[in-house]
Amino acid sequence: MYDLDENGERIRLPSGRWKSHKENTVDWNDRKYAEIWRQGWADTANRYLEANDRPERLDLRSYARQGIEQIPTVHMGPAACQMEKKGIQTNIEYLMDVLLSGELSERAALITGHGKEVRNLERRMAELTARDTAGSKEHGRKHRTAPERH
Protein backbone atom coordinates (compact mmCIF):
# COMPACT_ATOMS: atom_id res chain seq x y z
CA MET A 1 0.00 0.00 0.00
CA TYR A 2 1.41 3.39 -0.91
CA ASP A 3 2.25 5.86 1.84
CA LEU A 4 0.70 9.26 1.26
CA ASP A 5 1.79 12.74 2.26
CA GLU A 6 -0.42 15.32 4.00
CA ASN A 7 -2.01 16.17 0.59
CA GLY A 8 -2.93 12.57 -0.15
CA GLU A 9 -0.19 12.22 -2.79
CA ARG A 10 2.19 9.28 -3.08
CA ILE A 11 5.66 9.87 -1.65
CA ARG A 12 8.57 9.34 -4.05
CA LEU A 13 11.80 7.99 -2.55
CA PRO A 14 15.27 9.16 -3.64
CA SER A 15 15.55 5.87 -5.57
CA GLY A 16 12.58 6.92 -7.70
CA ARG A 17 10.31 4.24 -6.26
CA TRP A 18 7.16 5.01 -4.31
CA LYS A 19 7.21 4.71 -0.52
CA SER A 20 4.94 1.88 0.55
CA HIS A 21 4.22 -0.57 3.33
CA LYS A 22 2.59 -3.96 3.65
CA GLU A 23 -0.86 -4.03 5.14
CA ASN A 24 -2.56 -7.35 5.78
CA THR A 25 -6.09 -7.21 4.46
CA VAL A 26 -6.79 -10.89 5.08
CA ASP A 27 -5.83 -13.26 7.87
CA TRP A 28 -4.76 -16.15 5.64
CA ASN A 29 -1.36 -16.34 7.31
CA ASP A 30 -2.84 -16.65 10.78
CA ARG A 31 -1.60 -19.87 12.42
CA LYS A 32 -5.12 -20.79 13.52
CA TYR A 33 -5.89 -21.77 9.91
CA ALA A 34 -2.94 -24.15 9.51
CA GLU A 35 -4.84 -27.11 11.00
CA ILE A 36 -7.88 -26.45 8.82
CA TRP A 37 -5.80 -26.23 5.63
CA ARG A 38 -3.75 -29.29 6.52
CA GLN A 39 -6.93 -31.29 7.10
CA GLY A 40 -8.40 -30.06 3.82
CA TRP A 41 -5.26 -31.13 1.99
CA ALA A 42 -5.31 -34.57 3.65
CA ASP A 43 -9.01 -35.05 2.78
CA THR A 44 -8.43 -34.10 -0.87
CA ALA A 45 -5.32 -36.26 -1.23
CA ASN A 46 -7.05 -39.21 0.44
CA ARG A 47 -10.05 -38.92 -1.93
CA TYR A 48 -7.69 -39.12 -4.91
CA LEU A 49 -5.73 -42.00 -3.39
CA GLU A 50 -8.96 -43.91 -2.79
CA ALA A 51 -10.31 -43.11 -6.27
CA ASN A 52 -7.12 -44.58 -7.73
CA ASP A 53 -7.29 -47.72 -5.58
CA ARG A 54 -4.18 -46.78 -3.62
CA PRO A 55 -3.89 -48.13 -0.05
CA GLU A 56 -1.89 -45.14 1.26
CA ARG A 57 -3.63 -42.46 3.34
CA LEU A 58 -2.42 -39.11 4.64
CA ASP A 59 -2.75 -38.22 8.31
CA LEU A 60 -1.17 -34.84 8.89
CA ARG A 61 -1.52 -34.95 12.68
CA SER A 62 1.64 -35.23 14.75
CA TYR A 63 2.76 -38.66 15.88
CA ALA A 64 1.82 -37.70 19.45
CA ARG A 65 -1.74 -36.79 18.41
CA GLN A 66 -2.01 -40.07 16.51
CA GLY A 67 -0.88 -41.95 19.62
CA ILE A 68 2.33 -43.12 17.94
CA GLU A 69 5.39 -43.16 20.19
CA GLN A 70 8.00 -42.23 17.62
CA ILE A 71 10.32 -39.28 17.13
CA PRO A 72 9.63 -37.53 13.82
CA THR A 73 12.44 -37.46 11.30
CA VAL A 74 14.12 -34.33 10.01
CA HIS A 75 13.48 -33.46 6.36
CA MET A 76 16.69 -33.40 4.36
CA GLY A 77 16.31 -31.13 1.38
CA PRO A 78 18.03 -31.62 -1.97
CA ALA A 79 21.05 -29.50 -1.00
CA ALA A 80 21.79 -31.63 2.09
CA CYS A 81 21.30 -34.84 0.08
CA GLN A 82 23.76 -33.64 -2.58
CA MET A 83 26.29 -32.74 0.10
CA GLU A 84 25.97 -36.22 1.63
CA LYS A 85 26.52 -37.83 -1.77
CA LYS A 86 29.79 -35.89 -1.98
CA GLY A 87 30.81 -37.18 1.46
CA ILE A 88 30.20 -33.90 3.29
CA GLN A 89 28.54 -34.43 6.67
CA THR A 90 25.68 -32.04 7.34
CA ASN A 91 24.15 -30.97 10.64
CA ILE A 92 20.96 -32.71 9.54
CA GLU A 93 22.83 -35.97 9.01
CA TYR A 94 24.40 -35.67 12.47
CA LEU A 95 21.04 -34.89 14.06
CA MET A 96 19.45 -37.89 12.36
CA ASP A 97 22.26 -40.17 13.56
CA VAL A 98 21.70 -39.04 17.14
CA LEU A 99 17.92 -39.23 16.87
CA LEU A 100 17.95 -42.75 15.49
CA SER A 101 20.13 -44.03 18.32
CA GLY A 102 19.50 -43.85 22.06
CA GLU A 103 16.43 -43.84 24.25
CA LEU A 104 13.24 -42.06 23.31
CA SER A 105 13.55 -39.66 26.25
CA GLU A 106 17.13 -38.77 25.22
CA ARG A 107 15.99 -38.10 21.67
CA ALA A 108 13.10 -35.96 22.86
CA ALA A 109 15.47 -33.94 25.06
CA LEU A 110 17.79 -33.45 22.08
CA ILE A 111 14.95 -32.20 19.89
CA THR A 112 13.76 -29.81 22.60
CA GLY A 113 17.29 -28.46 23.02
CA HIS A 114 17.74 -27.95 19.28
CA GLY A 115 14.34 -26.26 19.06
CA LYS A 116 15.43 -23.75 21.69
CA GLU A 117 18.72 -23.21 19.86
CA VAL A 118 16.88 -22.56 16.61
CA ARG A 119 14.49 -20.09 18.28
CA ASN A 120 17.45 -18.28 19.88
CA LEU A 121 19.26 -18.09 16.53
CA GLU A 122 16.12 -16.82 14.78
CA ARG A 123 15.65 -14.16 17.47
CA ARG A 124 19.31 -13.09 17.17
CA MET A 125 19.08 -12.96 13.36
CA ALA A 126 15.99 -10.74 13.62
CA GLU A 127 17.82 -8.42 16.03
CA LEU A 128 20.84 -8.19 13.71
CA THR A 129 18.64 -7.59 10.68
CA ALA A 130 16.78 -4.81 12.49
CA ARG A 131 20.09 -3.26 13.57
CA ASP A 132 21.51 -3.49 10.05
CA THR A 133 18.37 -1.95 8.58
CA ALA A 134 18.48 0.91 11.08
CA GLY A 135 22.21 1.37 10.39
CA SER A 136 21.63 1.46 6.64
CA LYS A 137 18.95 4.11 7.02
CA GLU A 138 21.21 6.18 9.26
CA HIS A 139 24.11 5.78 6.82
CA GLY A 140 21.84 6.95 3.99
CA ARG A 141 20.77 10.03 5.94
CA LYS A 142 24.37 10.97 6.76
CA HIS A 143 25.69 10.49 3.23
CA ARG A 144 23.04 12.02 1.03
CA THR A 145 24.61 14.39 -1.44
CA ALA A 146 23.20 17.76 -2.26
CA PRO A 147 22.24 18.34 -5.90
CA GLU A 148 24.95 19.95 -8.00
CA ARG A 149 24.51 23.62 -8.85
CA HIS A 150 25.67 25.01 -12.17
C-alpha atoms as a PDB file:
ATOM      1  CA  MET A   1       0.000   0.000   0.000  1.00  0.00           C
ATOM      2  CA  TYR A   2       1.408   3.392  -0.912  1.00  0.00           C
ATOM      3  CA  ASP A   3       2.255   5.863   1.835  1.00  0.00           C
ATOM      4  CA  LEU A   4       0.699   9.256   1.260  1.00  0.00           C
ATOM      5  CA  ASP A   5       1.791  12.742   2.257  1.00  0.00           C
ATOM      6  CA  GLU A   6      -0.416  15.323   3.995  1.00  0.00           C
ATOM      7  CA  ASN A   7      -2.008  16.166   0.592  1.00  0.00           C
ATOM      8  CA  GLY A   8      -2.928  12.568  -0.152  1.00  0.00           C
ATOM      9  CA  GLU A   9      -0.191  12.223  -2.786  1.00  0.00           C
ATOM     10  CA  ARG A  10       2.187   9.276  -3.081  1.00  0.00           C
ATOM     11  CA  ILE A  11       5.658   9.874  -1.652  1.00  0.00           C
ATOM     12  CA  ARG A  12       8.565   9.342  -4.052  1.00  0.00           C
ATOM     13  CA  LEU A  13      11.802   7.986  -2.551  1.00  0.00           C
ATOM     14  CA  PRO A  14      15.275   9.156  -3.644  1.00  0.00           C
ATOM     15  CA  SER A  15      15.550   5.867  -5.573  1.00  0.00           C
ATOM     16  CA  GLY A  16      12.584   6.923  -7.699  1.00  0.00           C
ATOM     17  CA  ARG A  17      10.313   4.236  -6.262  1.00  0.00           C
ATOM     18  CA  TRP A  18       7.164   5.005  -4.311  1.00  0.00           C
ATOM     19  CA  LYS A  19       7.215   4.715  -0.523  1.00  0.00           C
ATOM     20  CA  SER A  20       4.939   1.883   0.548  1.00  0.00           C
ATOM     21  CA  HIS A  21       4.216  -0.570   3.328  1.00  0.00           C
ATOM     22  CA  LYS A  22       2.588  -3.963   3.647  1.00  0.00           C
ATOM     23  CA  GLU A  23      -0.864  -4.026   5.141  1.00  0.00           C
ATOM     24  CA  ASN A  24      -2.562  -7.347   5.780  1.00  0.00           C
ATOM     25  CA  THR A  25      -6.088  -7.213   4.465  1.00  0.00           C
ATOM     26  CA  VAL A  26      -6.793 -10.891   5.078  1.00  0.00           C
ATOM     27  CA  ASP A  27      -5.834 -13.256   7.871  1.00  0.00           C
ATOM     28  CA  TRP A  28      -4.760 -16.153   5.638  1.00  0.00           C
ATOM     29  CA  ASN A  29      -1.357 -16.343   7.312  1.00  0.00           C
ATOM     30  CA  ASP A  30      -2.836 -16.649  10.780  1.00  0.00           C
ATOM     31  CA  ARG A  31      -1.597 -19.872  12.416  1.00  0.00           C
ATOM     32  CA  LYS A  32      -5.119 -20.790  13.518  1.00  0.00           C
ATOM     33  CA  TYR A  33      -5.887 -21.774   9.912  1.00  0.00           C
ATOM     34  CA  ALA A  34      -2.944 -24.151   9.514  1.00  0.00           C
ATOM     35  CA  GLU A  35      -4.839 -27.107  11.003  1.00  0.00           C
ATOM     36  CA  ILE A  36      -7.883 -26.451   8.816  1.00  0.00           C
ATOM     37  CA  TRP A  37      -5.803 -26.233   5.632  1.00  0.00           C
ATOM     38  CA  ARG A  38      -3.747 -29.289   6.516  1.00  0.00           C
ATOM     39  CA  GLN A  39      -6.930 -31.291   7.103  1.00  0.00           C
ATOM     40  CA  GLY A  40      -8.401 -30.057   3.822  1.00  0.00           C
ATOM     41  CA  TRP A  41      -5.257 -31.129   1.995  1.00  0.00           C
ATOM     42  CA  ALA A  42      -5.313 -34.568   3.648  1.00  0.00           C
ATOM     43  CA  ASP A  43      -9.009 -35.049   2.777  1.00  0.00           C
ATOM     44  CA  THR A  44      -8.427 -34.103  -0.868  1.00  0.00           C
ATOM     45  CA  ALA A  45      -5.321 -36.262  -1.229  1.00  0.00           C
ATOM     46  CA  ASN A  46      -7.051 -39.215   0.442  1.00  0.00           C
ATOM     47  CA  ARG A  47     -10.046 -38.918  -1.933  1.00  0.00           C
ATOM     48  CA  TYR A  48      -7.688 -39.123  -4.914  1.00  0.00           C
ATOM     49  CA  LEU A  49      -5.733 -42.003  -3.390  1.00  0.00           C
ATOM     50  CA  GLU A  50      -8.964 -43.910  -2.794  1.00  0.00           C
ATOM     51  CA  ALA A  51     -10.310 -43.108  -6.265  1.00  0.00           C
ATOM     52  CA  ASN A  52      -7.117 -44.575  -7.730  1.00  0.00           C
ATOM     53  CA  ASP A  53      -7.291 -47.719  -5.581  1.00  0.00           C
ATOM     54  CA  ARG A  54      -4.182 -46.776  -3.622  1.00  0.00           C
ATOM     55  CA  PRO A  55      -3.895 -48.126  -0.049  1.00  0.00           C
ATOM     56  CA  GLU A  56      -1.886 -45.135   1.263  1.00  0.00           C
ATOM     57  CA  ARG A  57      -3.629 -42.458   3.335  1.00  0.00           C
ATOM     58  CA  LEU A  58      -2.421 -39.110   4.643  1.00  0.00           C
ATOM     59  CA  ASP A  59      -2.749 -38.217   8.305  1.00  0.00           C
ATOM     60  CA  LEU A  60      -1.166 -34.840   8.895  1.00  0.00           C
ATOM     61  CA  ARG A  61      -1.522 -34.947  12.684  1.00  0.00           C
ATOM     62  CA  SER A  62       1.640 -35.229  14.755  1.00  0.00           C
ATOM     63  CA  TYR A  63       2.765 -38.660  15.881  1.00  0.00           C
ATOM     64  CA  ALA A  64       1.821 -37.705  19.452  1.00  0.00           C
ATOM     65  CA  ARG A  65      -1.744 -36.788  18.408  1.00  0.00           C
ATOM     66  CA  GLN A  66      -2.005 -40.074  16.506  1.00  0.00           C
ATOM     67  CA  GLY A  67      -0.880 -41.952  19.622  1.00  0.00           C
ATOM     68  CA  ILE A  68       2.331 -43.115  17.936  1.00  0.00           C
ATOM     69  CA  GLU A  69       5.392 -43.157  20.192  1.00  0.00           C
ATOM     70  CA  GLN A  70       7.996 -42.226  17.618  1.00  0.00           C
ATOM     71  CA  ILE A  71      10.318 -39.278  17.131  1.00  0.00           C
ATOM     72  CA  PRO A  72       9.631 -37.525  13.817  1.00  0.00           C
ATOM     73  CA  THR A  73      12.445 -37.457  11.301  1.00  0.00           C
ATOM     74  CA  VAL A  74      14.118 -34.332  10.005  1.00  0.00           C
ATOM     75  CA  HIS A  75      13.480 -33.455   6.361  1.00  0.00           C
ATOM     76  CA  MET A  76      16.686 -33.401   4.359  1.00  0.00           C
ATOM     77  CA  GLY A  77      16.315 -31.130   1.377  1.00  0.00           C
ATOM     78  CA  PRO A  78      18.030 -31.617  -1.973  1.00  0.00           C
ATOM     79  CA  ALA A  79      21.046 -29.501  -1.000  1.00  0.00           C
ATOM     80  CA  ALA A  80      21.789 -31.630   2.089  1.00  0.00           C
ATOM     81  CA  CYS A  81      21.305 -34.840   0.080  1.00  0.00           C
ATOM     82  CA  GLN A  82      23.757 -33.639  -2.579  1.00  0.00           C
ATOM     83  CA  MET A  83      26.292 -32.740   0.099  1.00  0.00           C
ATOM     84  CA  GLU A  84      25.971 -36.218   1.633  1.00  0.00           C
ATOM     85  CA  LYS A  85      26.522 -37.833  -1.767  1.00  0.00           C
ATOM     86  CA  LYS A  86      29.789 -35.888  -1.981  1.00  0.00           C
ATOM     87  CA  GLY A  87      30.815 -37.176   1.463  1.00  0.00           C
ATOM     88  CA  ILE A  88      30.196 -33.901   3.285  1.00  0.00           C
ATOM     89  CA  GLN A  89      28.544 -34.426   6.666  1.00  0.00           C
ATOM     90  CA  THR A  90      25.678 -32.036   7.344  1.00  0.00           C
ATOM     91  CA  ASN A  91      24.148 -30.968  10.639  1.00  0.00           C
ATOM     92  CA  ILE A  92      20.964 -32.707   9.544  1.00  0.00           C
ATOM     93  CA  GLU A  93      22.826 -35.974   9.009  1.00  0.00           C
ATOM     94  CA  TYR A  94      24.404 -35.665  12.470  1.00  0.00           C
ATOM     95  CA  LEU A  95      21.042 -34.892  14.059  1.00  0.00           C
ATOM     96  CA  MET A  96      19.445 -37.894  12.361  1.00  0.00           C
ATOM     97  CA  ASP A  97      22.264 -40.171  13.557  1.00  0.00           C
ATOM     98  CA  VAL A  98      21.700 -39.036  17.139  1.00  0.00           C
ATOM     99  CA  LEU A  99      17.922 -39.228  16.871  1.00  0.00           C
ATOM    100  CA  LEU A 100      17.948 -42.748  15.495  1.00  0.00           C
ATOM    101  CA  SER A 101      20.133 -44.033  18.319  1.00  0.00           C
ATOM    102  CA  GLY A 102      19.504 -43.849  22.064  1.00  0.00           C
ATOM    103  CA  GLU A 103      16.433 -43.844  24.248  1.00  0.00           C
ATOM    104  CA  LEU A 104      13.236 -42.061  23.312  1.00  0.00           C
ATOM    105  CA  SER A 105      13.551 -39.659  26.253  1.00  0.00           C
ATOM    106  CA  GLU A 106      17.133 -38.774  25.224  1.00  0.00           C
ATOM    107  CA  ARG A 107      15.990 -38.100  21.674  1.00  0.00           C
ATOM    108  CA  ALA A 108      13.096 -35.955  22.861  1.00  0.00           C
ATOM    109  CA  ALA A 109      15.469 -33.940  25.056  1.00  0.00           C
ATOM    110  CA  LEU A 110      17.791 -33.450  22.078  1.00  0.00           C
ATOM    111  CA  ILE A 111      14.949 -32.201  19.889  1.00  0.00           C
ATOM    112  CA  THR A 112      13.763 -29.815  22.599  1.00  0.00           C
ATOM    113  CA  GLY A 113      17.286 -28.456  23.018  1.00  0.00           C
ATOM    114  CA  HIS A 114      17.737 -27.954  19.276  1.00  0.00           C
ATOM    115  CA  GLY A 115      14.342 -26.261  19.062  1.00  0.00           C
ATOM    116  CA  LYS A 116      15.433 -23.754  21.694  1.00  0.00           C
ATOM    117  CA  GLU A 117      18.723 -23.210  19.860  1.00  0.00           C
ATOM    118  CA  VAL A 118      16.875 -22.556  16.606  1.00  0.00           C
ATOM    119  CA  ARG A 119      14.493 -20.088  18.275  1.00  0.00           C
ATOM    120  CA  ASN A 120      17.445 -18.275  19.884  1.00  0.00           C
ATOM    121  CA  LEU A 121      19.257 -18.089  16.529  1.00  0.00           C
ATOM    122  CA  GLU A 122      16.121 -16.822  14.778  1.00  0.00           C
ATOM    123  CA  ARG A 123      15.654 -14.157  17.470  1.00  0.00           C
ATOM    124  CA  ARG A 124      19.308 -13.094  17.167  1.00  0.00           C
ATOM    125  CA  MET A 125      19.078 -12.958  13.357  1.00  0.00           C
ATOM    126  CA  ALA A 126      15.990 -10.743  13.617  1.00  0.00           C
ATOM    127  CA  GLU A 127      17.824  -8.415  16.026  1.00  0.00           C
ATOM    128  CA  LEU A 128      20.836  -8.186  13.712  1.00  0.00           C
ATOM    129  CA  THR A 129      18.636  -7.594  10.677  1.00  0.00           C
ATOM    130  CA  ALA A 130      16.776  -4.809  12.486  1.00  0.00           C
ATOM    131  CA  ARG A 131      20.089  -3.263  13.570  1.00  0.00           C
ATOM    132  CA  ASP A 132      21.505  -3.490  10.048  1.00  0.00           C
ATOM    133  CA  THR A 133      18.366  -1.952   8.583  1.00  0.00           C
ATOM    134  CA  ALA A 134      18.484   0.908  11.085  1.00  0.00           C
ATOM    135  CA  GLY A 135      22.208   1.366  10.391  1.00  0.00           C
ATOM    136  CA  SER A 136      21.633   1.465   6.636  1.00  0.00           C
ATOM    137  CA  LYS A 137      18.947   4.110   7.018  1.00  0.00           C
ATOM    138  CA  GLU A 138      21.213   6.179   9.261  1.00  0.00           C
ATOM    139  CA  HIS A 139      24.110   5.779   6.825  1.00  0.00           C
ATOM    140  CA  GLY A 140      21.844   6.950   3.992  1.00  0.00           C
ATOM    141  CA  ARG A 141      20.769  10.029   5.943  1.00  0.00           C
ATOM    142  CA  LYS A 142      24.370  10.968   6.758  1.00  0.00           C
ATOM    143  CA  HIS A 143      25.687  10.494   3.226  1.00  0.00           C
ATOM    144  CA  ARG A 144      23.040  12.016   1.028  1.00  0.00           C
ATOM    145  CA  THR A 145      24.608  14.394  -1.437  1.00  0.00           C
ATOM    146  CA  ALA A 146      23.200  17.758  -2.257  1.00  0.00           C
ATOM    147  CA  PRO A 147      22.237  18.342  -5.900  1.00  0.00           C
ATOM    148  CA  GLU A 148      24.949  19.947  -8.002  1.00  0.00           C
ATOM    149  CA  ARG A 149      24.505  23.625  -8.846  1.00  0.00           C
ATOM    150  CA  HIS A 150      25.665  25.007 -12.173  1.00  0.00           C
END
